[in-house]
Amino acid sequence: MEACKDCKFFLACEDGQGLCRRFPPQVAINQSGTFAVFPPMTNQGWCGEFAAKKGNEE
């Protein structure tokens, strides 16, 4: 099954979480200022942009 943890665009972080790096980071604004962020995802998340990591092709 296709899942973020097996996608070449996913950067694993900790606790089953990671970042999707398929597209450039998005600008976010809060009380502390302006910054850029990649969308947070879970290891088991998925989307229509999945691309298998090398060696994980099904």
N, C-alpha and C. Protein backbone atom coordinates (compact mmCIF):
# COMPACT_ATOMS: atom_id res chain seq x y z
N MET A 1 0.84 -1.19 0.00
CA MET A 1 0.00 0.00 0.00
C MET A 1 0.88 1.24 0.00
N GLU A 2 0.52 2.22 -0.81
CA GLU A 2 1.29 3.46 -0.87
C GLU A 2 1.06 4.26 0.41
N ALA A 3 2.14 4.67 1.05
CA ALA A 3 2.08 5.47 2.27
C ALA A 3 3.24 6.45 2.27
N CYS A 4 3.07 7.54 2.98
CA CYS A 4 4.11 8.58 3.03
C CYS A 4 5.48 8.01 3.39
N LYS A 5 5.54 7.08 4.33
CA LYS A 5 6.84 6.55 4.78
C LYS A 5 7.63 5.90 3.65
N ASP A 6 6.95 5.50 2.56
CA ASP A 6 7.61 4.86 1.43
C ASP A 6 7.79 5.79 0.24
N CYS A 7 7.45 7.06 0.40
CA CYS A 7 7.52 8.04 -0.69
C CYS A 7 8.87 8.75 -0.68
N LYS A 8 9.42 8.99 -1.87
CA LYS A 8 10.71 9.67 -1.96
C LYS A 8 10.65 11.13 -1.54
N PHE A 9 9.47 11.70 -1.42
CA PHE A 9 9.33 13.10 -1.02
C PHE A 9 9.15 13.27 0.48
N PHE A 10 9.07 12.17 1.24
CA PHE A 10 8.80 12.22 2.67
C PHE A 10 10.09 12.27 3.48
N LEU A 11 10.15 13.19 4.42
CA LEU A 11 11.29 13.29 5.34
C LEU A 11 10.79 12.88 6.72
N ALA A 12 11.19 11.69 7.17
CA ALA A 12 10.76 11.20 8.48
C ALA A 12 11.39 12.03 9.59
N CYS A 13 10.62 12.32 10.62
CA CYS A 13 11.12 13.08 11.77
C CYS A 13 11.10 12.19 13.00
N GLU A 14 10.05 12.22 13.78
CA GLU A 14 9.97 11.40 15.00
C GLU A 14 8.53 11.05 15.30
N ASP A 15 8.34 10.04 16.14
CA ASP A 15 7.00 9.64 16.60
C ASP A 15 6.01 9.40 15.48
N GLY A 16 6.46 8.78 14.38
CA GLY A 16 5.55 8.47 13.28
C GLY A 16 5.14 9.67 12.46
N GLN A 17 5.88 10.76 12.59
CA GLN A 17 5.58 11.99 11.87
C GLN A 17 6.69 12.31 10.88
N GLY A 18 6.41 13.20 9.96
CA GLY A 18 7.41 13.63 9.01
C GLY A 18 6.91 14.82 8.23
N LEU A 19 7.67 15.20 7.20
CA LEU A 19 7.34 16.34 6.37
C LEU A 19 7.24 15.92 4.91
N CYS A 20 6.24 16.44 4.22
CA CYS A 20 6.10 16.20 2.78
C CYS A 20 6.88 17.28 2.05
N ARG A 21 7.83 16.85 1.23
CA ARG A 21 8.66 17.81 0.49
C ARG A 21 8.41 17.72 -1.01
N ARG A 22 7.20 17.35 -1.37
CA ARG A 22 6.84 17.24 -2.79
C ARG A 22 6.84 18.61 -3.45
N PHE A 23 6.38 19.63 -2.74
CA PHE A 23 6.32 20.99 -3.26
C PHE A 23 7.13 21.90 -2.34
N PRO A 24 7.46 23.12 -2.78
CA PRO A 24 8.20 24.04 -1.93
C PRO A 24 7.44 24.33 -0.64
N PRO A 25 8.15 24.77 0.40
CA PRO A 25 7.46 25.11 1.65
C PRO A 25 6.46 26.25 1.42
N GLN A 26 5.44 26.28 2.25
CA GLN A 26 4.42 27.32 2.17
C GLN A 26 4.69 28.39 3.22
N VAL A 27 4.34 29.61 2.90
CA VAL A 27 4.51 30.71 3.85
C VAL A 27 3.44 30.62 4.92
N ALA A 28 3.86 30.75 6.17
CA ALA A 28 2.94 30.77 7.30
C ALA A 28 3.21 32.02 8.12
N ILE A 29 2.15 32.58 8.66
CA ILE A 29 2.27 33.80 9.46
C ILE A 29 1.59 33.56 10.80
N ASN A 30 2.31 33.89 11.87
CA ASN A 30 1.68 33.84 13.20
C ASN A 30 2.18 35.04 14.00
N GLN A 31 1.91 35.08 15.29
CA GLN A 31 2.29 36.22 16.12
C GLN A 31 3.80 36.40 16.21
N SER A 32 4.56 35.31 15.98
CA SER A 32 6.02 35.39 16.06
C SER A 32 6.65 35.91 14.77
N GLY A 33 5.90 35.91 13.69
CA GLY A 33 6.44 36.39 12.43
C GLY A 33 6.04 35.54 11.25
N THR A 34 6.81 35.65 10.20
CA THR A 34 6.57 34.93 8.95
C THR A 34 7.65 33.88 8.78
N PHE A 35 7.25 32.69 8.35
CA PHE A 35 8.22 31.62 8.14
C PHE A 35 7.68 30.66 7.09
N ALA A 36 8.52 29.74 6.64
CA ALA A 36 8.12 28.76 5.63
C ALA A 36 8.08 27.37 6.26
N VAL A 37 7.07 26.58 5.90
CA VAL A 37 6.92 25.24 6.45
C VAL A 37 6.52 24.25 5.38
N PHE A 38 7.00 23.00 5.53
CA PHE A 38 6.54 21.90 4.71
C PHE A 38 5.35 21.28 5.42
N PRO A 39 4.37 20.74 4.69
CA PRO A 39 3.21 20.14 5.35
C PRO A 39 3.61 18.95 6.23
N PRO A 40 3.16 18.94 7.49
CA PRO A 40 3.43 17.78 8.35
C PRO A 40 2.50 16.63 7.95
N MET A 41 3.03 15.41 8.00
CA MET A 41 2.27 14.22 7.64
C MET A 41 2.60 13.10 8.62
N THR A 42 1.76 12.07 8.63
CA THR A 42 2.08 10.87 9.40
C THR A 42 2.72 9.86 8.46
N ASN A 43 3.41 8.88 9.02
CA ASN A 43 4.03 7.82 8.21
C ASN A 43 2.99 7.10 7.36
N GLN A 44 1.76 6.96 7.87
CA GLN A 44 0.72 6.21 7.17
C GLN A 44 -0.15 7.08 6.27
N GLY A 45 0.12 8.39 6.20
CA GLY A 45 -0.65 9.26 5.32
C GLY A 45 -0.41 8.90 3.86
N TRP A 46 -1.18 9.48 2.97
CA TRP A 46 -0.99 9.22 1.55
C TRP A 46 -1.63 10.34 0.74
N CYS A 47 -1.25 10.45 -0.52
CA CYS A 47 -1.87 11.42 -1.42
C CYS A 47 -1.72 10.92 -2.85
N GLY A 48 -2.23 11.65 -3.79
CA GLY A 48 -2.16 11.27 -5.20
C GLY A 48 -0.83 11.57 -5.85
N GLU A 49 0.12 12.12 -5.12
CA GLU A 49 1.44 12.47 -5.67
C GLU A 49 2.51 11.46 -5.28
N PHE A 50 2.14 10.32 -4.74
CA PHE A 50 3.09 9.31 -4.26
C PHE A 50 4.10 8.93 -5.33
N ALA A 51 5.37 8.85 -4.95
CA ALA A 51 6.45 8.36 -5.80
C ALA A 51 7.34 7.48 -4.92
N ALA A 52 7.46 6.21 -5.27
CA ALA A 52 8.21 5.25 -4.45
C ALA A 52 9.67 5.65 -4.34
N LYS A 53 10.25 5.42 -3.15
CA LYS A 53 11.69 5.60 -2.97
C LYS A 53 12.40 4.56 -3.84
N LYS A 54 13.61 4.85 -4.25
CA LYS A 54 14.38 3.87 -5.00
C LYS A 54 14.52 2.60 -4.19
N GLY A 55 14.26 1.47 -4.79
CA GLY A 55 14.34 0.19 -4.10
C GLY A 55 13.02 -0.23 -3.49
N ASN A 56 12.01 0.67 -3.46
CA ASN A 56 10.71 0.35 -2.88
C ASN A 56 9.61 0.23 -3.94
N GLU A 57 9.99 0.21 -5.21
CA GLU A 57 8.97 0.11 -6.25
C GLU A 57 8.24 -1.20 -6.13
N GLU A 58 6.92 -1.15 -6.33
CA GLU A 58 6.11 -2.37 -6.21
C GLU A 58 5.94 -3.03 -7.56
